[in-house]
Amino acid sequence: MAGFMSSTNQYLIRTQLWSREIKQLLLDDLMAMKFVRVITDFPDGYTINIPSIGEAETADFNEGQAIKYNQMDTGNFQFSFDQYKYSANSISEKFKRDSFYAQDVIAAFVPRQHRALMEAVETRILSVANSGQTASNINAINGASHRWVGSGGTPPAATLAFSDFAKAYYALQKANVPMRNLVAIVDPSVAYTMQTNSNVTNLLSPMPKWGQVINDGIVTGMEFRFSLFGFDVYVSNYLPQGFSETVNAISVTNAVANMFFSATPGDVQPWVGGFRQMPTVYSEFNKDLQQEEYLTISEYGFKLYRPENMVIVLTSTAAVPA
């Protein structure tokens, strides 16, 4: 008589096994918050006012002529805490009793909620930079454009060219922006364009250390391995995109707003903002619904503070083959 065999004892074999490990999401880096001038000197209220003083003037005069005293121009920058966000999850008592993974689910609530809120913060910061400029306009400052369609590719599938980095450098310099800590935040489609540019090999070949770039690509993590025209280049999935626009008679579709600015700390930083309430966790047991509830709330506001320190070059995500 045959002994135990798989073919004849299937009820004694577990056909499905469940791992103790739960598959985690792949999350990219969030970077925009470090380029924001954070305001903390407010005890209450919703709106922050930051006054400004203009430049002094000079004038010619003759001996014995009365001096005319002028007042300097003044202005007021204002922004509000207009974002009140939450992320909430619950777990029933029955599920906690029934599920092998109940404690893992509960442990994921707070970090996942915090991540969701910070992704919203990242998106908001980059969004207000784009909305802080006038769409379909070159947004000229001191005679230099601060918004245009990328000069690479064939519009409306425009791409970013090396000359756009030089033009962004020129625009910031004309606006008297300190030419230090220069940063460019670009879409992954731009990184693709740069890596497939026929000139990239010639651009990097004079120096042996760039061999790693050719072998492994120009992006490590979310940052380029090298600077272009002084800009440290970062890649982000959170830039404003999915719109169409025409600037200076050049159109772009499936557009994404790539950003160039100086990250010099202090009053130069392009964004200003702050939190009325940092992400705060609340938890309680709901007796009526027999469930444990976790809620994370945050209140914040951001605005483009230095329009002269923001250059936006529009490119098309359609420039990358499907």
C-alpha atoms as a PDB file:
ATOM      1  CA  MET A   1       0.000   0.000   0.000  1.00  0.00           C
ATOM      2  CA  ALA A   2       1.357   3.403  -0.936  1.00  0.00           C
ATOM      3  CA  GLY A   3       2.444   5.890   1.777  1.00  0.00           C
ATOM      4  CA  PHE A   4       1.638   9.580   1.957  1.00  0.00           C
ATOM      5  CA  MET A   5       1.814  11.159  -1.499  1.00  0.00           C
ATOM      6  CA  SER A   6       0.949  14.695  -2.639  1.00  0.00           C
ATOM      7  CA  SER A   7      -1.400  13.438  -5.309  1.00  0.00           C
ATOM      8  CA  THR A   8      -3.548  11.521  -2.815  1.00  0.00           C
ATOM      9  CA  ASN A   9      -3.351  13.740   0.299  1.00  0.00           C
ATOM     10  CA  GLN A  10      -4.111  17.229  -0.976  1.00  0.00           C
ATOM     11  CA  TYR A  11      -6.181  18.177   2.088  1.00  0.00           C
ATOM     12  CA  LEU A  12      -3.021  18.008   4.177  1.00  0.00           C
ATOM     13  CA  ILE A  13      -1.148  20.465   1.955  1.00  0.00           C
ATOM     14  CA  ARG A  14      -1.541  24.237   2.253  1.00  0.00           C
ATOM     15  CA  THR A  15      -2.064  25.421  -1.315  1.00  0.00           C
ATOM     16  CA  GLN A  16      -1.556  29.113  -0.455  1.00  0.00           C
ATOM     17  CA  LEU A  17       1.076  30.474   1.907  1.00  0.00           C
ATOM     18  CA  TRP A  18       1.154  34.055   3.142  1.00  0.00           C
ATOM     19  CA  SER A  19       4.415  35.843   3.845  1.00  0.00           C
ATOM     20  CA  ARG A  20       4.865  37.691   7.141  1.00  0.00           C
ATOM     21  CA  GLU A  21       6.215  40.592   5.080  1.00  0.00           C
ATOM     22  CA  ILE A  22       3.933  43.140   3.396  1.00  0.00           C
ATOM     23  CA  LYS A  23       5.065  44.585   0.058  1.00  0.00           C
ATOM     24  CA  GLN A  24       5.955  48.248   0.531  1.00  0.00           C
ATOM     25  CA  LEU A  25       5.425  51.098  -1.906  1.00  0.00           C
ATOM     26  CA  LEU A  26       8.374  52.603  -3.738  1.00  0.00           C
ATOM     27  CA  LEU A  27       8.513  56.274  -2.740  1.00  0.00           C
ATOM     28  CA  ASP A  28      10.584  59.011  -4.357  1.00  0.00           C
ATOM     29  CA  ASP A  29      12.412  61.830  -2.617  1.00  0.00           C
ATOM     30  CA  LEU A  30      10.656  65.028  -1.567  1.00  0.00           C
ATOM     31  CA  MET A  31      12.873  68.097  -1.893  1.00  0.00           C
ATOM     32  CA  ALA A  32      10.931  71.341  -2.327  1.00  0.00           C
ATOM     33  CA  MET A  33      10.523  72.131   1.373  1.00  0.00           C
ATOM     34  CA  LYS A  34      14.249  72.815   1.789  1.00  0.00           C
ATOM     35  CA  PHE A  35      14.024  75.703  -0.700  1.00  0.00           C
ATOM     36  CA  VAL A  36      11.283  77.531   1.233  1.00  0.00           C
ATOM     37  CA  ARG A  37      11.866  80.456   3.567  1.00  0.00           C
ATOM     38  CA  VAL A  38       9.816  79.281   6.539  1.00  0.00           C
ATOM     39  CA  ILE A  39       8.018  81.990   8.523  1.00  0.00           C
ATOM     40  CA  THR A  40       7.458  81.232  12.199  1.00  0.00           C
ATOM     41  CA  ASP A  41       6.769  84.662  13.779  1.00  0.00           C
ATOM     42  CA  PHE A  42       2.976  84.535  13.927  1.00  0.00           C
ATOM     43  CA  PRO A  43       0.932  83.771  17.059  1.00  0.00           C
ATOM     44  CA  ASP A  44      -2.494  83.638  15.420  1.00  0.00           C
ATOM     45  CA  GLY A  45      -4.549  84.669  12.383  1.00  0.00           C
ATOM     46  CA  TYR A  46      -4.609  83.432   8.805  1.00  0.00           C
ATOM     47  CA  THR A  47      -2.645  85.975   6.773  1.00  0.00           C
ATOM     48  CA  ILE A  48       0.995  87.087   6.936  1.00  0.00           C
ATOM     49  CA  ASN A  49       2.094  90.532   5.685  1.00  0.00           C
ATOM     50  CA  ILE A  50       5.752  91.189   4.828  1.00  0.00           C
ATOM     51  CA  PRO A  51       6.490  94.869   4.039  1.00  0.00           C
ATOM     52  CA  SER A  52       9.214  95.879   1.572  1.00  0.00           C
ATOM     53  CA  ILE A  53      11.251  99.049   0.931  1.00  0.00           C
ATOM     54  CA  GLY A  54      12.376 100.100  -2.541  1.00  0.00           C
ATOM     55  CA  GLU A  55      15.677 101.555  -3.754  1.00  0.00           C
ATOM     56  CA  ALA A  56      16.992 105.047  -3.042  1.00  0.00           C
ATOM     57  CA  GLU A  57      17.285 107.491  -5.979  1.00  0.00           C
ATOM     58  CA  THR A  58      19.975 109.920  -7.095  1.00  0.00           C
ATOM     59  CA  ALA A  59      19.574 113.326  -8.758  1.00  0.00           C
ATOM     60  CA  ASP A  60      21.783 116.123 -10.110  1.00  0.00           C
ATOM     61  CA  PHE A  61      21.910 119.489  -8.368  1.00  0.00           C
ATOM     62  CA  ASN A  62      23.724 122.820  -8.531  1.00  0.00           C
ATOM     63  CA  GLU A  63      25.402 124.793  -5.791  1.00  0.00           C
ATOM     64  CA  GLY A  64      22.867 126.734  -3.771  1.00  0.00           C
ATOM     65  CA  GLN A  65      19.974 124.647  -5.075  1.00  0.00           C
ATOM     66  CA  ALA A  66      17.452 123.329  -2.582  1.00  0.00           C
ATOM     67  CA  ILE A  67      17.598 119.597  -2.069  1.00  0.00           C
ATOM     68  CA  LYS A  68      14.461 117.614  -2.801  1.00  0.00           C
ATOM     69  CA  TYR A  69      13.902 114.788  -0.364  1.00  0.00           C
ATOM     70  CA  ASN A  70      12.195 111.727  -1.804  1.00  0.00           C
ATOM     71  CA  GLN A  71      10.567 108.841  -0.075  1.00  0.00           C
ATOM     72  CA  MET A  72      11.444 105.327  -1.136  1.00  0.00           C
ATOM     73  CA  ASP A  73       8.766 103.120  -2.625  1.00  0.00           C
ATOM     74  CA  THR A  74       7.156 100.682  -0.256  1.00  0.00           C
ATOM     75  CA  GLY A  75       5.186  97.532  -0.832  1.00  0.00           C
ATOM     76  CA  ASN A  76       3.514  94.673   0.962  1.00  0.00           C
ATOM     77  CA  PHE A  77       3.767  90.946   0.283  1.00  0.00           C
ATOM     78  CA  GLN A  78       0.874  88.907   1.604  1.00  0.00           C
ATOM     79  CA  PHE A  79       0.122  85.225   1.795  1.00  0.00           C
ATOM     80  CA  SER A  80      -2.386  83.115   3.654  1.00  0.00           C
ATOM     81  CA  PHE A  81      -2.589  79.734   5.320  1.00  0.00           C
ATOM     82  CA  ASP A  82      -5.046  78.402   2.802  1.00  0.00           C
ATOM     83  CA  GLN A  83      -4.391  74.663   2.898  1.00  0.00           C
ATOM     84  CA  TYR A  84      -6.104  72.602   5.589  1.00  0.00           C
ATOM     85  CA  LYS A  85      -5.487  68.927   4.868  1.00  0.00           C
ATOM     86  CA  TYR A  86      -6.089  65.623   6.586  1.00  0.00           C
ATOM     87  CA  SER A  87      -5.452  61.931   6.066  1.00  0.00           C
ATOM     88  CA  ALA A  88      -7.547  59.383   7.957  1.00  0.00           C
ATOM     89  CA  ASN A  89      -7.798  55.610   8.311  1.00  0.00           C
ATOM     90  CA  SER A  90      -9.690  53.239  10.570  1.00  0.00           C
ATOM     91  CA  ILE A  91      -9.616  49.559  11.458  1.00  0.00           C
ATOM     92  CA  SER A  92     -12.523  47.586  12.873  1.00  0.00           C
ATOM     93  CA  GLU A  93     -12.282  45.467  15.995  1.00  0.00           C
ATOM     94  CA  LYS A  94     -13.460  42.424  14.021  1.00  0.00           C
ATOM     95  CA  PHE A  95     -10.690  42.880  11.460  1.00  0.00           C
ATOM     96  CA  LYS A  96      -8.148  43.164  14.283  1.00  0.00           C
ATOM     97  CA  ARG A  97      -9.360  39.802  15.622  1.00  0.00           C
ATOM     98  CA  ASP A  98      -9.570  38.116  12.235  1.00  0.00           C
ATOM     99  CA  SER A  99      -6.516  39.326  10.358  1.00  0.00           C
ATOM    100  CA  PHE A 100      -2.997  37.986  10.670  1.00  0.00           C
ATOM    101  CA  TYR A 101      -1.754  41.408   9.437  1.00  0.00           C
ATOM    102  CA  ALA A 102      -3.789  43.678  11.717  1.00  0.00           C
ATOM    103  CA  GLN A 103      -0.823  45.051  13.684  1.00  0.00           C
ATOM    104  CA  ASP A 104       1.150  45.679  10.495  1.00  0.00           C
ATOM    105  CA  VAL A 105      -1.768  47.655   9.090  1.00  0.00           C
ATOM    106  CA  ILE A 106      -2.057  49.762  12.237  1.00  0.00           C
ATOM    107  CA  ALA A 107       1.690  50.407  12.261  1.00  0.00           C
ATOM    108  CA  ALA A 108       1.467  51.737   8.691  1.00  0.00           C
ATOM    109  CA  PHE A 109      -1.276  54.304   9.379  1.00  0.00           C
ATOM    110  CA  VAL A 110       0.797  57.164  10.838  1.00  0.00           C
ATOM    111  CA  PRO A 111       3.840  57.037   8.489  1.00  0.00           C
ATOM    112  CA  ARG A 112       1.626  56.621   5.411  1.00  0.00           C
ATOM    113  CA  GLN A 113      -0.627  59.495   6.451  1.00  0.00           C
ATOM    114  CA  HIS A 114       2.389  61.726   7.093  1.00  0.00           C
ATOM    115  CA  ARG A 115       3.830  60.815   3.705  1.00  0.00           C
ATOM    116  CA  ALA A 116       0.524  61.595   1.969  1.00  0.00           C
ATOM    117  CA  LEU A 117       0.387  65.050   3.581  1.00  0.00           C
ATOM    118  CA  MET A 118       4.017  65.822   2.717  1.00  0.00           C
ATOM    119  CA  GLU A 119       3.414  64.820  -0.904  1.00  0.00           C
ATOM    120  CA  ALA A 120       0.563  67.340  -0.908  1.00  0.00           C
ATOM    121  CA  VAL A 121       2.960  69.946   0.520  1.00  0.00           C
ATOM    122  CA  GLU A 122       5.535  69.174  -2.196  1.00  0.00           C
ATOM    123  CA  THR A 123       2.931  69.477  -4.935  1.00  0.00           C
ATOM    124  CA  ARG A 124       1.604  72.732  -3.478  1.00  0.00           C
ATOM    125  CA  ILE A 125       5.028  74.382  -3.235  1.00  0.00           C
ATOM    126  CA  LEU A 126       5.862  73.637  -6.868  1.00  0.00           C
ATOM    127  CA  SER A 127       2.347  74.542  -8.009  1.00  0.00           C
ATOM    128  CA  VAL A 128       2.398  78.058  -6.525  1.00  0.00           C
ATOM    129  CA  ALA A 129       5.682  78.780  -8.308  1.00  0.00           C
ATOM    130  CA  ASN A 130       4.016  78.083 -11.642  1.00  0.00           C
ATOM    131  CA  SER A 131       0.783  79.936 -10.788  1.00  0.00           C
ATOM    132  CA  GLY A 132       2.860  82.835  -9.443  1.00  0.00           C
ATOM    133  CA  GLN A 133       3.828  83.667 -13.013  1.00  0.00           C
ATOM    134  CA  THR A 134       1.492  84.892 -15.752  1.00  0.00           C
ATOM    135  CA  ALA A 135       0.652  82.049 -18.122  1.00  0.00           C
ATOM    136  CA  SER A 136       1.315  82.546 -21.858  1.00  0.00           C
ATOM    137  CA  ASN A 137       3.613  85.470 -21.050  1.00  0.00           C
ATOM    138  CA  ILE A 138       7.399  85.799 -21.008  1.00  0.00           C
ATOM    139  CA  ASN A 139       7.245  87.401 -17.523  1.00  0.00           C
ATOM    140  CA  ALA A 140      10.150  89.700 -18.373  1.00  0.00           C
ATOM    141  CA  ILE A 141      12.175  91.201 -15.517  1.00  0.00           C
ATOM    142  CA  ASN A 142      14.871  93.749 -16.353  1.00  0.00           C
ATOM    143  CA  GLY A 143      14.468  92.861 -20.013  1.00  0.00           C
ATOM    144  CA  ALA A 144      15.029  89.093 -19.588  1.00  0.00           C
ATOM    145  CA  SER A 145      12.332  86.437 -19.998  1.00  0.00           C
ATOM    146  CA  HIS A 146      11.529  84.300 -16.979  1.00  0.00           C
ATOM    147  CA  ARG A 147       9.135  81.951 -18.793  1.00  0.00           C
ATOM    148  CA  TRP A 148       9.499  80.296 -22.178  1.00  0.00           C
ATOM    149  CA  VAL A 149       9.099  77.048 -24.091  1.00  0.00           C
ATOM    150  CA  GLY A 150      12.180  74.810 -24.198  1.00  0.00           C
ATOM    151  CA  SER A 151      14.315  75.332 -27.267  1.00  0.00           C
ATOM    152  CA  GLY A 152      14.967  71.635 -27.897  1.00  0.00           C
ATOM    153  CA  GLY A 153      12.783  69.353 -29.989  1.00  0.00           C
ATOM    154  CA  THR A 154      10.011  70.367 -32.321  1.00  0.00           C
ATOM    155  CA  PRO A 155       7.072  72.218 -30.700  1.00  0.00           C
ATOM    156  CA  PRO A 156       4.552  71.356 -29.433  1.00  0.00           C
ATOM    157  CA  ALA A 157       6.724  68.407 -28.270  1.00  0.00           C
ATOM    158  CA  ALA A 158       9.382  70.768 -26.931  1.00  0.00           C
ATOM    159  CA  THR A 159      12.321  69.564 -24.868  1.00  0.00           C
ATOM    160  CA  LEU A 160      15.017  71.195 -22.760  1.00  0.00           C
ATOM    161  CA  ALA A 161      18.289  72.070 -24.462  1.00  0.00           C
ATOM    162  CA  PHE A 162      21.628  73.047 -22.945  1.00  0.00           C
ATOM    163  CA  SER A 163      21.046  76.579 -24.184  1.00  0.00           C
ATOM    164  CA  ASP A 164      17.989  76.826 -21.908  1.00  0.00           C
ATOM    165  CA  PHE A 165      20.267  76.409 -18.885  1.00  0.00           C
ATOM    166  CA  ALA A 166      22.438  79.271 -20.143  1.00  0.00           C
ATOM    167  CA  LYS A 167      19.366  81.433 -20.767  1.00  0.00           C
ATOM    168  CA  ALA A 168      18.039  80.717 -17.259  1.00  0.00           C
ATOM    169  CA  TYR A 169      21.420  81.733 -15.835  1.00  0.00           C
ATOM    170  CA  TYR A 170      21.224  84.970 -17.833  1.00  0.00           C
ATOM    171  CA  ALA A 171      17.666  85.714 -16.656  1.00  0.00           C
ATOM    172  CA  LEU A 172      18.578  85.302 -12.988  1.00  0.00           C
ATOM    173  CA  GLN A 173      21.714  87.401 -13.410  1.00  0.00           C
ATOM    174  CA  LYS A 174      19.752  90.233 -15.048  1.00  0.00           C
ATOM    175  CA  ALA A 175      17.339  90.134 -12.095  1.00  0.00           C
ATOM    176  CA  ASN A 176      20.239  90.682  -9.646  1.00  0.00           C
ATOM    177  CA  VAL A 177      19.751  87.260  -8.093  1.00  0.00           C
ATOM    178  CA  PRO A 178      22.859  85.983  -6.234  1.00  0.00           C
ATOM    179  CA  MET A 179      24.460  83.479  -8.590  1.00  0.00           C
ATOM    180  CA  ARG A 180      25.146  80.971  -5.825  1.00  0.00           C
ATOM    181  CA  ASN A 181      23.484  77.679  -4.900  1.00  0.00           C
ATOM    182  CA  LEU A 182      21.781  77.517  -8.283  1.00  0.00           C
ATOM    183  CA  VAL A 183      19.171  74.780  -8.555  1.00  0.00           C
ATOM    184  CA  ALA A 184      17.124  73.333 -11.396  1.00  0.00           C
ATOM    185  CA  ILE A 185      14.191  70.988 -10.748  1.00  0.00           C
ATOM    186  CA  VAL A 186      13.233  69.093 -13.896  1.00  0.00           C
ATOM    187  CA  ASP A 187      10.803  66.390 -14.927  1.00  0.00           C
ATOM    188  CA  PRO A 188      12.040  62.809 -15.548  1.00  0.00           C
ATOM    189  CA  SER A 189      11.300  63.374 -19.241  1.00  0.00           C
ATOM    190  CA  VAL A 190      13.992  66.075 -19.236  1.00  0.00           C
ATOM    191  CA  ALA A 191      16.489  63.674 -17.678  1.00  0.00           C
ATOM    192  CA  TYR A 192      15.643  61.214 -20.446  1.00  0.00           C
ATOM    193  CA  THR A 193      16.199  63.895 -23.079  1.00  0.00           C
ATOM    194  CA  MET A 194      19.578  64.779 -21.604  1.00  0.00           C
ATOM    195  CA  GLN A 195      20.694  61.166 -21.436  1.00  0.00           C
ATOM    196  CA  THR A 196      19.739  60.501 -25.048  1.00  0.00           C
ATOM    197  CA  ASN A 197      21.184  63.761 -26.376  1.00  0.00           C
ATOM    198  CA  SER A 198      23.666  62.987 -29.145  1.00  0.00           C
ATOM    199  CA  ASN A 199      26.065  65.615 -27.787  1.00  0.00           C
ATOM    200  CA  VAL A 200      26.205  64.301 -24.231  1.00  0.00           C
ATOM    201  CA  THR A 201      29.105  61.937 -24.957  1.00  0.00           C
ATOM    202  CA  ASN A 202      31.164  64.700 -26.514  1.00  0.00           C
ATOM    203  CA  LEU A 203      30.244  67.024 -23.661  1.00  0.00           C
ATOM    204  CA  LEU A 204      31.536  64.641 -21.014  1.00  0.00           C
ATOM    205  CA  SER A 205      34.342  62.783 -22.805  1.00  0.00           C
ATOM    206  CA  PRO A 206      37.274  65.176 -22.026  1.00  0.00           C
ATOM    207  CA  MET A 207      37.366  64.071 -18.365  1.00  0.00           C
ATOM    208  CA  PRO A 208      37.915  60.394 -17.484  1.00  0.00           C
ATOM    209  CA  LYS A 209      35.707  60.578 -14.384  1.00  0.00           C
ATOM    210  CA  TRP A 210      32.647  61.021 -16.585  1.00  0.00           C
ATOM    211  CA  GLY A 211      32.991  57.425 -17.721  1.00  0.00           C
ATOM    212  CA  GLN A 212      30.675  56.445 -14.863  1.00  0.00           C
ATOM    213  CA  VAL A 213      28.076  58.839 -16.248  1.00  0.00           C
ATOM    214  CA  ILE A 214      28.159  57.114 -19.618  1.00  0.00           C
ATOM    215  CA  ASN A 215      27.939  53.683 -17.999  1.00  0.00           C
ATOM    216  CA  ASP A 216      25.354  54.362 -15.293  1.00  0.00           C
ATOM    217  CA  GLY A 217      23.419  57.388 -16.519  1.00  0.00           C
ATOM    218  CA  ILE A 218      23.468  61.043 -15.543  1.00  0.00           C
ATOM    219  CA  VAL A 219      21.053  60.763 -12.611  1.00  0.00           C
ATOM    220  CA  THR A 220      21.873  59.218  -9.244  1.00  0.00           C
ATOM    221  CA  GLY A 221      18.924  59.118  -6.897  1.00  0.00           C
ATOM    222  CA  MET A 222      17.042  62.321  -7.745  1.00  0.00           C
ATOM    223  CA  GLU A 223      20.104  64.456  -8.593  1.00  0.00           C
ATOM    224  CA  PHE A 224      22.270  64.793 -11.689  1.00  0.00           C
ATOM    225  CA  ARG A 225      25.871  63.663 -11.240  1.00  0.00           C
ATOM    226  CA  PHE A 226      27.121  67.023 -12.490  1.00  0.00           C
ATOM    227  CA  SER A 227      26.071  70.671 -12.763  1.00  0.00           C
ATOM    228  CA  LEU A 228      24.926  72.314 -15.981  1.00  0.00           C
ATOM    229  CA  PHE A 229      25.890  75.996 -16.294  1.00  0.00           C
ATOM    230  CA  GLY A 230      26.219  76.139 -12.510  1.00  0.00           C
ATOM    231  CA  PHE A 231      22.818  74.539 -11.777  1.00  0.00           C
ATOM    232  CA  ASP A 232      22.587  71.517  -9.502  1.00  0.00           C
ATOM    233  CA  VAL A 233      19.886  69.547 -11.285  1.00  0.00           C
ATOM    234  CA  TYR A 234      17.232  67.514  -9.440  1.00  0.00           C
ATOM    235  CA  VAL A 235      14.497  65.310 -10.872  1.00  0.00           C
ATOM    236  CA  SER A 236      10.941  65.485  -9.513  1.00  0.00           C
ATOM    237  CA  ASN A 237       7.622  63.795 -10.286  1.00  0.00           C
ATOM    238  CA  TYR A 238       5.672  66.611  -8.611  1.00  0.00           C
ATOM    239  CA  LEU A 239       6.193  69.510 -11.026  1.00  0.00           C
ATOM    240  CA  PRO A 240       3.000  71.075 -12.481  1.00  0.00           C
ATOM    241  CA  GLN A 241       2.147  69.297 -15.707  1.00  0.00           C
ATOM    242  CA  GLY A 242      -0.596  68.226 -18.083  1.00  0.00           C
ATOM    243  CA  PHE A 243      -1.476  71.640 -19.548  1.00  0.00           C
ATOM    244  CA  SER A 244      -1.010  73.410 -22.874  1.00  0.00           C
ATOM    245  CA  GLU A 245       0.392  76.897 -23.320  1.00  0.00           C
ATOM    246  CA  THR A 246       1.749  79.313 -25.920  1.00  0.00           C
ATOM    247  CA  VAL A 247       4.561  81.655 -24.936  1.00  0.00           C
ATOM    248  CA  ASN A 248       6.011  84.166 -27.394  1.00  0.00           C
ATOM    249  CA  ALA A 249       4.154  82.444 -30.277  1.00  0.00           C
ATOM    250  CA  ILE A 250       5.644  79.008 -29.421  1.00  0.00           C
ATOM    251  CA  SER A 251       3.204  76.340 -28.248  1.00  0.00           C
ATOM    252  CA  VAL A 252       3.700  73.300 -26.060  1.00  0.00           C
ATOM    253  CA  THR A 253       1.293  70.484 -25.206  1.00  0.00           C
ATOM    254  CA  ASN A 254       1.395  67.966 -22.351  1.00  0.00           C
ATOM    255  CA  ALA A 255       3.526  70.618 -20.721  1.00  0.00           C
ATOM    256  CA  VAL A 256       5.570  70.385 -17.540  1.00  0.00           C
ATOM    257  CA  ALA A 257       7.015  73.415 -15.720  1.00  0.00           C
ATOM    258  CA  ASN A 258      10.763  72.956 -15.085  1.00  0.00           C
ATOM    259  CA  MET A 259      12.110  75.424 -12.516  1.00  0.00           C
ATOM    260  CA  PHE A 260      15.415  77.297 -12.184  1.00  0.00           C
ATOM    261  CA  PHE A 261      16.354  79.458  -9.186  1.00  0.00           C
ATOM    262  CA  SER A 262      18.955  80.322  -6.571  1.00  0.00           C
ATOM    263  CA  ALA A 263      18.642  78.458  -3.289  1.00  0.00           C
ATOM    264  CA  THR A 264      20.761  80.967  -1.383  1.00  0.00           C
ATOM    265  CA  PRO A 265      19.383  80.815   2.187  1.00  0.00           C
ATOM    266  CA  GLY A 266      17.390  83.662   3.697  1.00  0.00           C
ATOM    267  CA  ASP A 267      15.559  86.454   1.950  1.00  0.00           C
ATOM    268  CA  VAL A 268      16.640  85.242  -1.502  1.00  0.00           C
ATOM    269  CA  GLN A 269      14.762  81.934  -1.452  1.00  0.00           C
ATOM    270  CA  PRO A 270      11.994  81.855  -4.079  1.00  0.00           C
ATOM    271  CA  TRP A 271       9.241  80.550  -1.805  1.00  0.00           C
ATOM    272  CA  VAL A 272       7.922  81.744   1.526  1.00  0.00           C
ATOM    273  CA  GLY A 273       5.585  79.704   3.665  1.00  0.00           C
ATOM    274  CA  GLY A 274       4.899  78.048   6.950  1.00  0.00           C
ATOM    275  CA  PHE A 275       2.769  75.679   8.965  1.00  0.00           C
ATOM    276  CA  ARG A 276      -0.015  76.809  11.252  1.00  0.00           C
ATOM    277  CA  GLN A 277      -0.189  73.178  12.315  1.00  0.00           C
ATOM    278  CA  MET A 278       2.499  70.630  11.593  1.00  0.00           C
ATOM    279  CA  PRO A 279       1.168  67.145  10.745  1.00  0.00           C
ATOM    280  CA  THR A 280      -0.464  66.109  14.022  1.00  0.00           C
ATOM    281  CA  VAL A 281      -1.844  62.656  14.783  1.00  0.00           C
ATOM    282  CA  TYR A 282      -5.106  62.024  16.653  1.00  0.00           C
ATOM    283  CA  SER A 283      -6.386  58.551  17.516  1.00  0.00           C
ATOM    284  CA  GLU A 284      -9.464  57.278  19.327  1.00  0.00           C
ATOM    285  CA  PHE A 285     -11.795  54.325  19.601  1.00  0.00           C
ATOM    286  CA  ASN A 286     -15.241  54.806  18.074  1.00  0.00           C
ATOM    287  CA  LYS A 287     -17.682  52.822  20.233  1.00  0.00           C
ATOM    288  CA  ASP A 288     -20.597  53.252  17.841  1.00  0.00           C
ATOM    289  CA  LEU A 289     -18.729  51.823  14.848  1.00  0.00           C
ATOM    290  CA  GLN A 290     -16.505  49.513  16.911  1.00  0.00           C
ATOM    291  CA  GLN A 291     -13.369  50.711  15.173  1.00  0.00           C
ATOM    292  CA  GLU A 292     -10.036  52.329  15.971  1.00  0.00           C
ATOM    293  CA  GLU A 293      -9.530  55.618  14.100  1.00  0.00           C
ATOM    294  CA  TYR A 294      -6.321  57.452  13.188  1.00  0.00           C
ATOM    295  CA  LEU A 295      -6.377  61.015  11.842  1.00  0.00           C
ATOM    296  CA  THR A 296      -3.462  63.258  10.799  1.00  0.00           C
ATOM    297  CA  ILE A 297      -4.182  66.970  10.219  1.00  0.00           C
ATOM    298  CA  SER A 298      -1.999  69.795   8.897  1.00  0.00           C
ATOM    299  CA  GLU A 299      -2.561  73.468   8.029  1.00  0.00           C
ATOM    300  CA  TYR A 300      -0.085  75.430   5.926  1.00  0.00           C
ATOM    301  CA  GLY A 301       0.420  78.037   3.223  1.00  0.00           C
ATOM    302  CA  PHE A 302       3.045  78.722   0.554  1.00  0.00           C
ATOM    303  CA  LYS A 303       3.519  81.407  -2.088  1.00  0.00           C
ATOM    304  CA  LEU A 304       6.078  82.523  -4.662  1.00  0.00           C
ATOM    305  CA  TYR A 305       8.003  85.201  -2.763  1.00  0.00           C
ATOM    306  CA  ARG A 306      10.685  86.153  -5.285  1.00  0.00           C
ATOM    307  CA  PRO A 307       9.324  86.179  -8.857  1.00  0.00           C
ATOM    308  CA  GLU A 308      12.700  87.503  -9.990  1.00  0.00           C
ATOM    309  CA  ASN A 309      14.280  84.334  -8.559  1.00  0.00           C
ATOM    310  CA  MET A 310      12.129  81.916 -10.546  1.00  0.00           C
ATOM    311  CA  VAL A 311      12.626  80.908 -14.169  1.00  0.00           C
ATOM    312  CA  ILE A 312      10.214  78.375 -15.665  1.00  0.00           C
ATOM    313  CA  VAL A 313      10.969  76.551 -18.898  1.00  0.00           C
ATOM    314  CA  LEU A 314       8.081  74.549 -20.347  1.00  0.00           C
ATOM    315  CA  THR A 315       8.745  71.208 -21.962  1.00  0.00           C
ATOM    316  CA  SER A 316       6.508  68.377 -23.158  1.00  0.00           C
ATOM    317  CA  THR A 317       6.304  64.946 -21.602  1.00  0.00           C
ATOM    318  CA  ALA A 318       5.192  63.780 -25.063  1.00  0.00           C
ATOM    319  CA  ALA A 319       8.824  64.192 -26.175  1.00  0.00           C
ATOM    320  CA  VAL A 320       9.547  60.817 -24.544  1.00  0.00           C
ATOM    321  CA  PRO A 321       8.524  57.812 -26.687  1.00  0.00           C
ATOM    322  CA  ALA A 322       5.716  55.682 -25.260  1.00  0.00           C
END
